[in-house]
PDB file of N, CA and C in Angstrom:
ATOM      1  N   MET A   1      68.985 -98.036 -64.969  1.00  0.00           N
ATOM      2  CA  MET A   1      68.304 -96.851 -64.326  1.00  0.00           C
ATOM      3  C   MET A   1      69.706 -95.766 -64.694  1.00  0.00           C
ATOM      4  N   SER A   2      70.898 -96.242 -64.737  1.00  0.00           N
ATOM      5  CA  SER A   2      71.737 -95.142 -64.634  1.00  0.00           C
ATOM      6  C   SER A   2      71.918 -95.089 -66.212  1.00  0.00           C
ATOM      7  N   GLN A   3      71.834 -96.327 -66.503  1.00  0.00           N
ATOM      8  CA  GLN A   3      71.791 -95.941 -68.253  1.00  0.00           C
ATOM      9  C   GLN A   3      70.887 -95.033 -68.958  1.00  0.00           C
ATOM     10  N   ILE A   4      69.598 -94.601 -68.412  1.00  0.00           N
ATOM     11  CA  ILE A   4      68.588 -93.943 -69.106  1.00  0.00           C
ATOM     12  C   ILE A   4      68.893 -92.344 -68.537  1.00  0.00           C
ATOM     13  N   LEU A   5      69.628 -92.215 -67.172  1.00  0.00           N
ATOM     14  CA  LEU A   5      69.825 -90.834 -66.836  1.00  0.00           C
ATOM     15  C   LEU A   5      70.944 -90.702 -67.923  1.00  0.00           C
ATOM     16  N   SER A   6      72.005 -91.387 -67.904  1.00  0.00           N
ATOM     17  CA  SER A   6      73.233 -91.108 -68.690  1.00  0.00           C
ATOM     18  C   SER A   6      72.907 -90.491 -70.038  1.00  0.00           C
ATOM     19  N   HIS A   7      72.201 -91.477 -70.421  1.00  0.00           N
ATOM     20  CA  HIS A   7      71.376 -91.060 -72.001  1.00  0.00           C
ATOM     21  C   HIS A   7      70.977 -90.023 -71.975  1.00  0.00           C
ATOM     22  N   CYS A   8      69.820 -89.268 -71.277  1.00  0.00           N
ATOM     23  CA  CYS A   8      69.120 -88.317 -71.276  1.00  0.00           C
ATOM     24  C   CYS A   8      70.191 -87.129 -70.595  1.00  0.00           C
ATOM     25  N   PHE A   9      71.181 -87.006 -70.025  1.00  0.00           N
ATOM     26  CA  PHE A   9      72.069 -86.316 -69.973  1.00  0.00           C
ATOM     27  C   PHE A   9      73.006 -85.882 -71.194  1.00  0.00           C
ATOM     28  N   ARG A  10      73.698 -86.942 -71.946  1.00  0.00           N
ATOM     29  CA  ARG A  10      74.306 -86.813 -73.333  1.00  0.00           C
ATOM     30  C   ARG A  10      73.395 -86.162 -74.185  1.00  0.00           C
ATOM     31  N   ARG A  11      72.330 -86.570 -74.082  1.00  0.00           N
ATOM     32  CA  ARG A  11      71.448 -85.792 -75.307  1.00  0.00           C
ATOM     33  C   ARG A  11      71.373 -84.919 -75.340  1.00  0.00           C
ATOM     34  N   ALA A  12      70.817 -84.079 -73.838  1.00  0.00           N
ATOM     35  CA  ALA A  12      70.659 -82.666 -73.333  1.00  0.00           C
ATOM     36  C   ALA A  12      71.643 -81.848 -73.723  1.00  0.00           C
ATOM     37  N   PHE A  13      73.041 -82.284 -73.254  1.00  0.00           N
ATOM     38  CA  PHE A  13      74.285 -81.778 -73.782  1.00  0.00           C
ATOM     39  C   PHE A  13      74.621 -81.251 -75.020  1.00  0.00           C
ATOM     40  N   SER A  14      74.478 -82.435 -75.561  1.00  0.00           N
ATOM     41  CA  SER A  14      74.915 -82.446 -76.953  1.00  0.00           C
ATOM     42  C   SER A  14      73.973 -81.709 -77.764  1.00  0.00           C
ATOM     43  N   ALA A  15      72.759 -81.470 -77.562  1.00  0.00           N
ATOM     44  CA  ALA A  15      71.928 -80.417 -78.279  1.00  0.00           C
ATOM     45  C   ALA A  15      71.901 -79.241 -77.869  1.00  0.00           C
ATOM     46  N   SER A  16      72.237 -78.875 -76.545  1.00  0.00           N
ATOM     47  CA  SER A  16      72.969 -77.566 -76.166  1.00  0.00           C
ATOM     48  C   SER A  16      73.857 -77.282 -76.549  1.00  0.00           C
ATOM     49  N   ALA A  17      75.013 -78.206 -76.827  1.00  0.00           N
ATOM     50  CA  ALA A  17      75.946 -77.644 -77.227  1.00  0.00           C
ATOM     51  C   ALA A  17      75.944 -77.257 -78.999  1.00  0.00           C
ATOM     52  N   ALA A  18      75.068 -78.391 -79.443  1.00  0.00           N
ATOM     53  CA  ALA A  18      74.906 -78.091 -80.880  1.00  0.00           C
ATOM     54  C   ALA A  18      74.250 -76.793 -81.309  1.00  0.00           C
ATOM     55  N   ARG A  19      73.459 -76.223 -80.193  1.00  0.00           N
ATOM     56  CA  ARG A  19      72.457 -75.189 -80.668  1.00  0.00           C
ATOM     57  C   ARG A  19      73.454 -73.799 -80.373  1.00  0.00           C
ATOM     58  N   GLN A  20      74.340 -74.168 -79.393  1.00  0.00           N
ATOM     59  CA  GLN A  20      75.208 -72.923 -78.917  1.00  0.00           C
ATOM     60  C   GLN A  20      75.987 -72.659 -80.234  1.00  0.00           C
ATOM     61  N   ALA A  21      76.850 -74.000 -80.823  1.00  0.00           N
ATOM     62  CA  ALA A  21      77.724 -73.645 -81.874  1.00  0.00           C
ATOM     63  C   ALA A  21      77.067 -72.903 -82.988  1.00  0.00           C
ATOM     64  N   VAL A  22      75.921 -73.359 -83.346  1.00  0.00           N
ATOM     65  CA  VAL A  22      75.192 -72.697 -84.295  1.00  0.00           C
ATOM     66  C   VAL A  22      74.914 -71.496 -84.470  1.00  0.00           C
ATOM     67  N   GLN A  23      74.399 -70.742 -83.110  1.00  0.00           N
ATOM     68  CA  GLN A  23      74.017 -69.785 -82.397  1.00  0.00           C
ATOM     69  C   GLN A  23      75.224 -68.578 -82.088  1.00  0.00           C
ATOM     70  N   GLY A  24      75.853 -69.648 -81.135  1.00  0.00           N
ATOM     71  CA  GLY A  24      77.013 -68.455 -80.676  1.00  0.00           C
ATOM     72  C   GLY A  24      76.263 -68.085 -79.120  1.00  0.00           C
ATOM     73  N   PRO A  25      77.037 -68.147 -77.957  1.00  0.00           N
ATOM     74  CA  PRO A  25      76.348 -67.697 -76.926  1.00  0.00           C
ATOM     75  C   PRO A  25      75.831 -66.412 -76.713  1.00  0.00           C
ATOM     76  N   SER A  26      74.564 -66.347 -76.221  1.00  0.00           N
ATOM     77  CA  SER A  26      73.877 -64.896 -76.339  1.00  0.00           C
ATOM     78  C   SER A  26      72.466 -64.973 -75.633  1.00  0.00           C
ATOM     79  N   ALA A  27      72.553 -63.863 -74.242  1.00  0.00           N
ATOM     80  CA  ALA A  27      71.527 -64.021 -73.876  1.00  0.00           C
ATOM     81  C   ALA A  27      69.895 -63.622 -74.574  1.00  0.00           C
ATOM     82  N   VAL A  28      70.288 -63.248 -75.828  1.00  0.00           N
ATOM     83  CA  VAL A  28      68.796 -62.608 -76.380  1.00  0.00           C
ATOM     84  C   VAL A  28      68.815 -63.511 -77.976  1.00  0.00           C
ATOM     85  N   ALA A  29      69.515 -64.373 -77.875  1.00  0.00           N
ATOM     86  CA  ALA A  29      69.524 -65.384 -79.290  1.00  0.00           C
ATOM     87  C   ALA A  29      68.397 -66.436 -79.694  1.00  0.00           C
ATOM     88  N   GLY A  30      68.054 -66.947 -80.778  1.00  0.00           N
ATOM     89  CA  GLY A  30      66.979 -67.598 -80.939  1.00  0.00           C
ATOM     90  C   GLY A  30      65.494 -67.436 -80.416  1.00  0.00           C
ATOM     91  N   GLU A  31      65.065 -68.418 -79.841  1.00  0.00           N
ATOM     92  CA  GLU A  31      63.717 -68.198 -79.207  1.00  0.00           C
ATOM     93  C   GLU A  31      63.533 -67.256 -78.122  1.00  0.00           C
ATOM     94  N   HIS A  32      64.612 -66.921 -77.378  1.00  0.00           N
ATOM     95  CA  HIS A  32      64.627 -66.168 -76.225  1.00  0.00           C
ATOM     96  C   HIS A  32      65.149 -65.035 -76.379  1.00  0.00           C
ATOM     97  N   SER A  33      64.586 -64.182 -77.188  1.00  0.00           N
ATOM     98  CA  SER A  33      65.195 -62.875 -77.951  1.00  0.00           C
ATOM     99  C   SER A  33      64.406 -61.830 -77.186  1.00  0.00           C
ATOM    100  N   GLY A  34      63.386 -62.165 -76.040  1.00  0.00           N
ATOM    101  CA  GLY A  34      62.748 -61.221 -75.075  1.00  0.00           C
ATOM    102  C   GLY A  34      63.744 -61.547 -73.744  1.00  0.00           C
ATOM    103  N   GLY A  35      65.042 -61.760 -73.966  1.00  0.00           N
ATOM    104  CA  GLY A  35      65.559 -61.816 -72.405  1.00  0.00           C
ATOM    105  C   GLY A  35      65.432 -60.508 -71.870  1.00  0.00           C
ATOM    106  N   TRP A  36      65.728 -59.385 -72.117  1.00  0.00           N
ATOM    107  CA  TRP A  36      66.080 -58.148 -71.847  1.00  0.00           C
ATOM    108  C   TRP A  36      64.982 -57.668 -71.308  1.00  0.00           C
ATOM    109  N   LYS A  37      63.850 -58.084 -71.540  1.00  0.00           N
ATOM    110  CA  LYS A  37      62.481 -58.008 -71.020  1.00  0.00           C
ATOM    111  C   LYS A  37      62.194 -58.355 -70.045  1.00  0.00           C
ATOM    112  N   LEU A  38      62.434 -59.449 -69.941  1.00  0.00           N
ATOM    113  CA  LEU A  38      62.488 -60.493 -68.432  1.00  0.00           C
ATOM    114  C   LEU A  38      63.063 -59.657 -67.509  1.00  0.00           C
ATOM    115  N   TRP A  39      64.359 -59.164 -67.846  1.00  0.00           N
ATOM    116  CA  TRP A  39      65.412 -58.763 -66.490  1.00  0.00           C
ATOM    117  C   TRP A  39      65.216 -57.436 -66.084  1.00  0.00           C
ATOM    118  N   LYS A  40      64.486 -56.676 -67.191  1.00  0.00           N
ATOM    119  CA  LYS A  40      63.936 -54.871 -67.049  1.00  0.00           C
ATOM    120  C   LYS A  40      62.646 -55.475 -66.135  1.00  0.00           C
ATOM    121  N   ARG A  41      61.758 -56.312 -66.451  1.00  0.00           N
ATOM    122  CA  ARG A  41      60.712 -56.532 -65.342  1.00  0.00           C
ATOM    123  C   ARG A  41      61.180 -56.763 -64.430  1.00  0.00           C
ATOM    124  N   LEU A  42      62.618 -57.736 -64.021  1.00  0.00           N
ATOM    125  CA  LEU A  42      62.530 -58.096 -62.817  1.00  0.00           C
ATOM    126  C   LEU A  42      63.462 -56.873 -61.938  1.00  0.00           C
ATOM    127  N   SER A  43      63.903 -56.404 -62.617  1.00  0.00           N
ATOM    128  CA  SER A  43      64.894 -55.314 -62.112  1.00  0.00           C
ATOM    129  C   SER A  43      63.544 -54.267 -61.071  1.00  0.00           C
ATOM    130  N   PHE A  44      62.724 -53.988 -62.235  1.00  0.00           N
ATOM    131  CA  PHE A  44      61.537 -52.891 -61.689  1.00  0.00           C
ATOM    132  C   PHE A  44      60.749 -53.561 -60.561  1.00  0.00           C
ATOM    133  N   PHE A  45      60.493 -54.662 -61.324  1.00  0.00           N
ATOM    134  CA  PHE A  45      59.162 -54.951 -60.249  1.00  0.00           C
ATOM    135  C   PHE A  45      59.669 -56.259 -58.950  1.00  0.00           C
ATOM    136  N   VAL A  46      61.068 -56.680 -58.975  1.00  0.00           N
ATOM    137  CA  VAL A  46      61.382 -57.235 -57.897  1.00  0.00           C
ATOM    138  C   VAL A  46      62.468 -56.847 -56.815  1.00  0.00           C
ATOM    139  N   ALA A  47      63.352 -56.150 -57.687  1.00  0.00           N
ATOM    140  CA  ALA A  47      64.531 -55.727 -57.015  1.00  0.00           C
ATOM    141  C   ALA A  47      64.133 -54.080 -55.917  1.00  0.00           C
ATOM    142  N   ILE A  48      63.853 -53.578 -57.212  1.00  0.00           N
ATOM    143  CA  ILE A  48      63.711 -52.334 -56.320  1.00  0.00           C
ATOM    144  C   ILE A  48      62.456 -52.013 -55.344  1.00  0.00           C
ATOM    145  N   PRO A  49      61.343 -53.002 -55.630  1.00  0.00           N
ATOM    146  CA  PRO A  49      60.649 -53.128 -54.047  1.00  0.00           C
ATOM    147  C   PRO A  49      61.423 -54.029 -53.211  1.00  0.00           C
ATOM    148  N   ALA A  50      62.386 -54.698 -53.743  1.00  0.00           N
ATOM    149  CA  ALA A  50      62.958 -55.884 -52.374  1.00  0.00           C
ATOM    150  C   ALA A  50      64.221 -54.725 -51.200  1.00  0.00           C
ATOM    151  N   VAL A  51      64.334 -53.575 -52.433  1.00  0.00           N
ATOM    152  CA  VAL A  51      65.725 -52.475 -51.524  1.00  0.00           C
ATOM    153  C   VAL A  51      64.579 -51.889 -50.678  1.00  0.00           C
ATOM    154  N   GLY A  52      63.405 -51.242 -51.501  1.00  0.00           N
ATOM    155  CA  GLY A  52      62.849 -50.432 -50.667  1.00  0.00           C
ATOM    156  C   GLY A  52      62.030 -51.165 -49.262  1.00  0.00           C
ATOM    157  N   LEU A  53      61.232 -52.460 -49.439  1.00  0.00           N
ATOM    158  CA  LEU A  53      61.055 -53.229 -48.254  1.00  0.00           C
ATOM    159  C   LEU A  53      62.708 -53.121 -47.131  1.00  0.00           C
ATOM    160  N   CYS A  54      63.700 -53.163 -47.873  1.00  0.00           N
ATOM    161  CA  CYS A  54      65.032 -53.568 -46.802  1.00  0.00           C
ATOM    162  C   CYS A  54      65.052 -52.462 -46.052  1.00  0.00           C
ATOM    163  N   MET A  55      65.097 -51.385 -46.924  1.00  0.00           N
ATOM    164  CA  MET A  55      65.071 -49.868 -46.031  1.00  0.00           C
ATOM    165  C   MET A  55      64.198 -49.306 -44.969  1.00  0.00           C
ATOM    166  N   LEU A  56      62.751 -49.967 -45.399  1.00  0.00           N
ATOM    167  CA  LEU A  56      61.716 -49.894 -44.585  1.00  0.00           C
ATOM    168  C   LEU A  56      61.996 -50.845 -43.041  1.00  0.00           C
ATOM    169  N   ASN A  57      62.631 -51.782 -43.281  1.00  0.00           N
ATOM    170  CA  ASN A  57      62.556 -52.901 -42.149  1.00  0.00           C
ATOM    171  C   ASN A  57      63.960 -51.810 -41.216  1.00  0.00           C
ATOM    172  N   ALA A  58      64.748 -51.568 -42.225  1.00  0.00           N
ATOM    173  CA  ALA A  58      66.501 -50.839 -41.350  1.00  0.00           C
ATOM    174  C   ALA A  58      65.734 -49.523 -40.336  1.00  0.00           C
ATOM    175  N   TYR A  59      64.685 -48.900 -41.283  1.00  0.00           N
ATOM    176  CA  TYR A  59      64.210 -47.410 -40.243  1.00  0.00           C
ATOM    177  C   TYR A  59      62.954 -48.139 -39.115  1.00  0.00           C
ATOM    178  N   LEU A  60      62.536 -49.215 -39.933  1.00  0.00           N
ATOM    179  CA  LEU A  60      61.250 -49.245 -38.376  1.00  0.00           C
ATOM    180  C   LEU A  60      62.252 -50.113 -37.082  1.00  0.00           C
ATOM    181  N   GLY A  61      63.239 -50.699 -37.616  1.00  0.00           N
ATOM    182  CA  GLY A  61      64.269 -51.291 -36.410  1.00  0.00           C
ATOM    183  C   GLY A  61      64.893 -50.336 -36.159  1.00  0.00           C
ATOM    184  N   HIS A  62      65.376 -49.798 -36.227  1.00  0.00           N
ATOM    185  CA  HIS A  62      65.988 -48.209 -35.657  1.00  0.00           C
ATOM    186  C   HIS A  62      64.948 -47.361 -34.694  1.00  0.00           C
ATOM    187  N   GLN A  63      63.490 -46.834 -35.312  1.00  0.00           N
ATOM    188  CA  GLN A  63      62.919 -46.338 -34.328  1.00  0.00           C
ATOM    189  C   GLN A  63      62.589 -47.228 -33.177  1.00  0.00           C
ATOM    190  N   LYS A  64      62.547 -48.631 -33.225  1.00  0.00           N
ATOM    191  CA  LYS A  64      61.875 -49.546 -32.172  1.00  0.00           C
ATOM    192  C   LYS A  64      63.383 -49.726 -31.283  1.00  0.00           C
ATOM    193  N   ASP A  65      64.429 -49.392 -31.795  1.00  0.00           N
ATOM    194  CA  ASP A  65      65.366 -49.214 -30.948  1.00  0.00           C
ATOM    195  C   ASP A  65      66.018 -48.029 -29.989  1.00  0.00           C
ATOM    196  N   HIS A  66      65.128 -47.146 -31.007  1.00  0.00           N
ATOM    197  CA  HIS A  66      66.026 -45.746 -30.216  1.00  0.00           C
ATOM    198  C   HIS A  66      65.752 -45.681 -28.744  1.00  0.00           C
ATOM    199  N   GLY A  67      64.599 -45.804 -28.337  1.00  0.00           N
ATOM    200  CA  GLY A  67      64.136 -45.153 -26.716  1.00  0.00           C
ATOM    201  C   GLY A  67      64.937 -46.172 -25.800  1.00  0.00           C
ATOM    202  N   LYS A  68      65.984 -47.197 -26.318  1.00  0.00           N
ATOM    203  CA  LYS A  68      66.285 -48.118 -25.226  1.00  0.00           C
ATOM    204  C   LYS A  68      67.527 -47.703 -25.101  1.00  0.00           C
ATOM    205  N   PRO A  69      67.766 -48.184 -23.228  1.00  0.00           N
ATOM    206  CA  PRO A  69      68.869 -47.509 -22.785  1.00  0.00           C
ATOM    207  C   PRO A  69      70.064 -48.464 -23.165  1.00  0.00           C
ATOM    208  N   ARG A  70      70.986 -48.046 -23.384  1.00  0.00           N
ATOM    209  CA  ARG A  70      72.486 -48.504 -23.592  1.00  0.00           C
ATOM    210  C   ARG A  70      72.815 -49.654 -22.511  1.00  0.00           C
ATOM    211  N   PRO A  71      73.432 -50.886 -22.791  1.00  0.00           N
ATOM    212  CA  PRO A  71      73.901 -51.698 -22.053  1.00  0.00           C
ATOM    213  C   PRO A  71      75.107 -51.004 -21.051  1.00  0.00           C
ATOM    214  N   GLU A  72      74.517 -51.639 -19.783  1.00  0.00           N
ATOM    215  CA  GLU A  72      75.991 -51.234 -18.871  1.00  0.00           C
ATOM    216  C   GLU A  72      77.188 -51.826 -19.329  1.00  0.00           C
ATOM    217  N   PHE A  73      78.259 -50.672 -19.090  1.00  0.00           N
ATOM    218  CA  PHE A  73      79.496 -51.244 -19.487  1.00  0.00           C
ATOM    219  C   PHE A  73      80.131 -52.017 -18.446  1.00  0.00           C
ATOM    220  N   VAL A  74      80.920 -53.155 -18.781  1.00  0.00           N
ATOM    221  CA  VAL A  74      81.597 -54.208 -18.320  1.00  0.00           C
ATOM    222  C   VAL A  74      83.002 -54.097 -19.052  1.00  0.00           C
ATOM    223  N   LYS A  75      84.175 -53.905 -18.214  1.00  0.00           N
ATOM    224  CA  LYS A  75      85.547 -53.772 -18.633  1.00  0.00           C
ATOM    225  C   LYS A  75      86.204 -54.984 -18.762  1.00  0.00           C
ATOM    226  N   TYR A  76      85.721 -55.764 -19.825  1.00  0.00           N
ATOM    227  CA  TYR A  76      86.907 -56.846 -20.191  1.00  0.00           C
ATOM    228  C   TYR A  76      88.066 -56.811 -20.888  1.00  0.00           C
ATOM    229  N   GLU A  77      88.815 -57.682 -20.481  1.00  0.00           N
ATOM    230  CA  GLU A  77      90.619 -57.377 -20.747  1.00  0.00           C
ATOM    231  C   GLU A  77      90.621 -57.559 -22.141  1.00  0.00           C
ATOM    232  N   HIS A  78      90.036 -58.440 -22.789  1.00  0.00           N
ATOM    233  CA  HIS A  78      90.142 -58.956 -24.322  1.00  0.00           C
ATOM    234  C   HIS A  78      89.168 -58.065 -25.269  1.00  0.00           C
ATOM    235  N   LEU A  79      88.440 -56.985 -24.721  1.00  0.00           N
ATOM    236  CA  LEU A  79      87.566 -55.809 -25.423  1.00  0.00           C
ATOM    237  C   LEU A  79      88.400 -54.818 -25.445  1.00  0.00           C
ATOM    238  N   ARG A  80      88.411 -53.889 -26.524  1.00  0.00           N
ATOM    239  CA  ARG A  80      88.774 -52.635 -26.797  1.00  0.00           C
ATOM    240  C   ARG A  80      90.233 -52.299 -26.472  1.00  0.00           C
ATOM    241  N   MET A  81      90.983 -53.297 -26.982  1.00  0.00           N
ATOM    242  CA  MET A  81      92.309 -53.109 -26.360  1.00  0.00           C
ATOM    243  C   MET A  81      93.475 -52.444 -27.338  1.00  0.00           C
ATOM    244  N   ARG A  82      94.001 -51.684 -27.129  1.00  0.00           N
ATOM    245  CA  ARG A  82      94.869 -50.519 -28.099  1.00  0.00           C
ATOM    246  C   ARG A  82      96.144 -50.695 -27.856  1.00  0.00           C
ATOM    247  N   SER A  83      96.826 -51.362 -29.135  1.00  0.00           N
ATOM    248  CA  SER A  83      98.242 -51.467 -28.922  1.00  0.00           C
ATOM    249  C   SER A  83      98.789 -50.388 -29.687  1.00  0.00           C
ATOM    250  N   LYS A  84      98.113 -49.628 -30.455  1.00  0.00           N
ATOM    251  CA  LYS A  84      98.399 -48.400 -31.214  1.00  0.00           C
ATOM    252  C   LYS A  84      97.519 -47.445 -31.054  1.00  0.00           C
ATOM    253  N   ARG A  85      97.705 -46.264 -31.043  1.00  0.00           N
ATOM    254  CA  ARG A  85      96.956 -45.196 -31.248  1.00  0.00           C
ATOM    255  C   ARG A  85      96.280 -45.223 -32.886  1.00  0.00           C
ATOM    256  N   PHE A  86      94.961 -44.831 -33.127  1.00  0.00           N
ATOM    257  CA  PHE A  86      94.581 -44.380 -34.253  1.00  0.00           C
ATOM    258  C   PHE A  86      95.123 -43.341 -34.441  1.00  0.00           C
ATOM    259  N   PRO A  87      95.441 -43.269 -36.163  1.00  0.00           N
ATOM    260  CA  PRO A  87      96.376 -42.072 -37.016  1.00  0.00           C
ATOM    261  C   PRO A  87      95.252 -40.930 -36.514  1.00  0.00           C
ATOM    262  N   TRP A  88      94.138 -41.069 -36.108  1.00  0.00           N
ATOM    263  CA  TRP A  88      93.169 -39.603 -36.296  1.00  0.00           C
ATOM    264  C   TRP A  88      92.609 -39.261 -34.652  1.00  0.00           C
ATOM    265  N   GLY A  89      91.915 -37.838 -34.721  1.00  0.00           N
ATOM    266  CA  GLY A  89      91.637 -37.490 -33.655  1.00  0.00           C
ATOM    267  C   GLY A  89      92.659 -37.561 -32.645  1.00  0.00           C
ATOM    268  N   ASP A  90      91.882 -37.701 -31.371  1.00  0.00           N
ATOM    269  CA  ASP A  90      92.808 -38.033 -30.221  1.00  0.00           C
ATOM    270  C   ASP A  90      93.273 -39.491 -29.795  1.00  0.00           C
ATOM    271  N   GLY A  91      93.268 -40.288 -30.865  1.00  0.00           N
ATOM    272  CA  GLY A  91      93.871 -41.636 -31.135  1.00  0.00           C
ATOM    273  C   GLY A  91      92.922 -42.816 -30.360  1.00  0.00           C
ATOM    274  N   ASN A  92      91.998 -42.310 -29.741  1.00  0.00           N
ATOM    275  CA  ASN A  92      91.309 -43.490 -29.355  1.00  0.00           C
ATOM    276  C   ASN A  92      90.231 -44.301 -29.625  1.00  0.00           C
ATOM    277  N   HIS A  93      89.522 -42.754 -30.442  1.00  0.00           N
ATOM    278  CA  HIS A  93      87.865 -42.988 -31.056  1.00  0.00           C
ATOM    279  C   HIS A  93      88.385 -43.775 -32.277  1.00  0.00           C
ATOM    280  N   SER A  94      87.553 -44.911 -32.456  1.00  0.00           N
ATOM    281  CA  SER A  94      87.237 -45.445 -34.170  1.00  0.00           C
ATOM    282  C   SER A  94      86.922 -44.464 -35.206  1.00  0.00           C
ATOM    283  N   LEU A  95      87.066 -44.699 -36.361  1.00  0.00           N
ATOM    284  CA  LEU A  95      86.764 -44.031 -37.507  1.00  0.00           C
ATOM    285  C   LEU A  95      85.484 -43.779 -37.428  1.00  0.00           C
ATOM    286  N   PHE A  96      84.744 -44.517 -37.168  1.00  0.00           N
ATOM    287  CA  PHE A  96      83.111 -44.420 -37.219  1.00  0.00           C
ATOM    288  C   PHE A  96      82.576 -44.732 -35.875  1.00  0.00           C
ATOM    289  N   HIS A  97      82.813 -43.741 -34.992  1.00  0.00           N
ATOM    290  CA  HIS A  97      82.881 -43.806 -33.408  1.00  0.00           C
ATOM    291  C   HIS A  97      81.718 -43.202 -33.311  1.00  0.00           C
ATOM    292  N   ASN A  98      80.391 -43.999 -32.632  1.00  0.00           N
ATOM    293  CA  ASN A  98      79.565 -43.274 -31.983  1.00  0.00           C
ATOM    294  C   ASN A  98      79.087 -43.186 -30.691  1.00  0.00           C
ATOM    295  N   PRO A  99      79.454 -42.340 -29.547  1.00  0.00           N
ATOM    296  CA  PRO A  99      79.304 -42.184 -28.752  1.00  0.00           C
ATOM    297  C   PRO A  99      78.313 -42.989 -27.662  1.00  0.00           C
ATOM    298  N   HIS A 100      77.217 -43.352 -28.391  1.00  0.00           N
ATOM    299  CA  HIS A 100      75.845 -43.849 -27.853  1.00  0.00           C
ATOM    300  C   HIS A 100      76.135 -45.139 -27.596  1.00  0.00           C
ATOM    301  N   THR A 101      76.576 -45.889 -28.726  1.00  0.00           N
ATOM    302  CA  THR A 101      76.646 -47.490 -29.042  1.00  0.00           C
ATOM    303  C   THR A 101      78.124 -48.001 -28.594  1.00  0.00           C
ATOM    304  N   ASN A 102      79.293 -47.147 -28.863  1.00  0.00           N
ATOM    305  CA  ASN A 102      80.719 -47.473 -28.933  1.00  0.00           C
ATOM    306  C   ASN A 102      81.472 -47.108 -27.489  1.00  0.00           C
ATOM    307  N   ALA A 103      81.527 -47.857 -26.470  1.00  0.00           N
ATOM    308  CA  ALA A 103      82.548 -47.331 -25.182  1.00  0.00           C
ATOM    309  C   ALA A 103      83.820 -47.358 -25.734  1.00  0.00           C
ATOM    310  N   LEU A 104      84.375 -46.562 -24.700  1.00  0.00           N
ATOM    311  CA  LEU A 104      85.922 -46.497 -25.000  1.00  0.00           C
ATOM    312  C   LEU A 104      87.049 -47.426 -24.210  1.00  0.00           C
ATOM    313  N   PRO A 105      88.164 -47.559 -24.246  1.00  0.00           N
ATOM    314  CA  PRO A 105      88.691 -48.429 -22.930  1.00  0.00           C
ATOM    315  C   PRO A 105      88.206 -48.404 -21.518  1.00  0.00           C
ATOM    316  N   ASP A 106      87.749 -47.263 -21.353  1.00  0.00           N
ATOM    317  CA  ASP A 106      87.659 -46.940 -19.837  1.00  0.00           C
ATOM    318  C   ASP A 106      86.047 -46.885 -19.848  1.00  0.00           C
ATOM    319  N   GLY A 107      84.884 -46.786 -21.011  1.00  0.00           N
ATOM    320  CA  GLY A 107      83.707 -46.578 -20.633  1.00  0.00           C
ATOM    321  C   GLY A 107      83.218 -45.961 -21.364  1.00  0.00           C
ATOM    322  N   TYR A 108      81.728 -45.620 -21.455  1.00  0.00           N
ATOM    323  CA  TYR A 108      81.117 -44.880 -22.198  1.00  0.00           C
ATOM    324  C   TYR A 108      81.797 -43.365 -22.013  1.00  0.00           C
ATOM    325  N   GLU A 109      81.303 -42.254 -22.976  1.00  0.00           N
ATOM    326  CA  GLU A 109      81.726 -41.180 -22.705  1.00  0.00           C
ATOM    327  C   GLU A 109      80.019 -40.791 -22.346  1.00  0.00           C
ATOM    328  N   THR A 110      80.421 -39.494 -21.344  1.00  0.00           N
ATOM    329  CA  THR A 110      79.115 -38.897 -20.966  1.00  0.00           C
ATOM    330  C   THR A 110      78.043 -38.170 -22.222  1.00  0.00           C
ATOM    331  N   GLU A 111      76.822 -38.211 -22.258  1.00  0.00           N
ATOM    332  CA  GLU A 111      76.213 -37.743 -23.338  1.00  0.00           C
ATOM    333  C   GLU A 111      75.625 -36.534 -22.381  1.00  0.00           C
ATOM    334  N   ASP A 112      75.114 -35.352 -23.670  1.00  0.00           N
ATOM    335  CA  ASP A 112      74.761 -34.550 -23.460  1.00  0.00           C
ATOM    336  C   ASP A 112      73.002 -34.887 -23.301  1.00  0.00           C
ATOM    337  N   PRO A 113      72.539 -34.669 -22.335  1.00  0.00           N
ATOM    338  CA  PRO A 113      70.958 -34.966 -22.022  1.00  0.00           C
ATOM    339  C   PRO A 113      70.284 -34.352 -22.906  1.00  0.00           C
ATOM    340  N   HIS A 114      70.516 -33.002 -23.879  1.00  0.00           N
ATOM    341  CA  HIS A 114      69.626 -32.540 -24.862  1.00  0.00           C
ATOM    342  C   HIS A 114      70.247 -32.929 -26.421  1.00  0.00           C
ATOM    343  N   HIS A 115      71.028 -33.708 -26.583  1.00  0.00           N
ATOM    344  CA  HIS A 115      71.817 -34.129 -27.674  1.00  0.00           C
ATOM    345  C   HIS A 115      70.826 -35.741 -28.217  1.00  0.00           C
ATOM    346  N   HIS A 116      70.465 -35.989 -29.301  1.00  0.00           N
ATOM    347  CA  HIS A 116      69.445 -37.100 -29.619  1.00  0.00           C
ATOM    348  C   HIS A 116      70.500 -37.362 -31.072  1.00  0.00           C
TER     349      HIS A 116
END
């Protein structure tokens, strides 16, 4: 059995190496000259719709979670440790700080009830 597999592997490898030596490595060489058409179609009919579906999923997930109250703040010693102040603002807010979801070391910031 192993001799048969070994023979098939050597034959396939030597045949592909011989074709590549004659034609050179190319994505559009030989009988596969329409390779660019395949990738163009895959881009338009698979990749772009997949990105659109991911965007829709993120949007719908945001809409579903928008009305939920934030979790209660628990002051754990190992979280939100500041050994050095941030070099921007008041030094306590991270660069992409969101007052609704990101707590400071002492707890959540108070929110304006009119602001969403």
